[in-house]
Amino acid sequence: MSASGGTRAIVAALAANLAIAVAKFVAFLFSGSSSMLAESVHSLADSGNQGLLLLGGKKAKREATPQHPFGYGRERYIYAFLVSIVLFTVGGMFAIYEGIEKINHPHPIEAWYWPVGVLVFAIVAESFSFRTAIKESNEIRGKQTWTQFVRRAKAPELPVVLLEDLGALVGLVLALGGVGLALLTGNGVWDGIGTLCIGALLIVIAIVLAAETKSLLLGESAGLEEIEKIKAALVDGDVVTGVIHMRTLHLGPEELLVAAKIAVEGHDTATEVANAIDAAEARIREAVPIARVIYLEPDIYRPEAAK
């Protein structure tokens, strides 16, 4: 995992969601509320998602093999993408189906104190989980806005947990609103409408997660700050006089590939160039520790090659 904080946030979310899922399902059995059933499935799906994130983090730690020479760092992206699919299908689509069913066949909520009590408990538990995710994210977010953090983060776990917890809290408020209106009006249709809103919310979050993790799966470059640090570390002003062009690629959240063509003078000897390359690699790793794989190609600078 990118940081112990990421793991702590996932474990906190997993513990909260398992407890909440059981409580919601019990409330559904006593009350017959479709919002409670949708929310119990939502929490169960979230629990499975946290399990997927933990599994992806474990698999990503495997050593590189001849078949996978750059390692398994992208396993974390794959499992994060699976989370978005589970959230869309098991969470969102099920809630949509259940909401339509309840609107077409409404029935009053029984034992109202069960769903209301469980929803209040769930809001408190999810708030603690959300607080943990926010605290751990703030340690690595820096000056980025929350939107920038979710869009630019190379480690997918914290953005996933943040969006899941946010969706869970909003979903709980929607469920509480649906149940409350159904109780006040005596019309079970409101419970179905609340369930539909929960489904729509989950689908939106799933689409956002899928879009961001798809970008990571396709391969993203280092951030602008890291790119500038690498370029500065490459040039020594003696043998290496400039960077002709450079490409970076995240092999995983903490593994960066750097490939660059560097400019050297025509009169430099092979030994001088080789020593300069070794020194440049050392400077890059010192400036950007996640630069694990570095390929540098020396060349005589020509303007047409600097593309």
Foldseek 3Di string as FASTA:
>chain_A
DVDVLLVVLLVLLLVLLVVLLVLLVVLCVQWVQLLSVLLSQLSVLSNVLSVLLVVLVVQQPDAADPVRNQGRQLSNLVSLLVSLVSLQVRRQVVLQVSLVVCLVPPAATGPLCSLLVSLVVSLVSLVVSLVSLVVSCVVPVPPDDPVCCCQPQQRNRSSSSNLSSVLSNVLSVLQNQLNVVCVVVVIRNSSSVSSNVSSVSSNVSSVSSNVRSVVSVVWDFDDPVLVVQLQVLLDPCAFFNGWLDKTKTDPHNLAMEIETETAGDPPDDPVRVVVSVVSSVVSSCVSRVSHPHYHYHYDHDDNVSSD
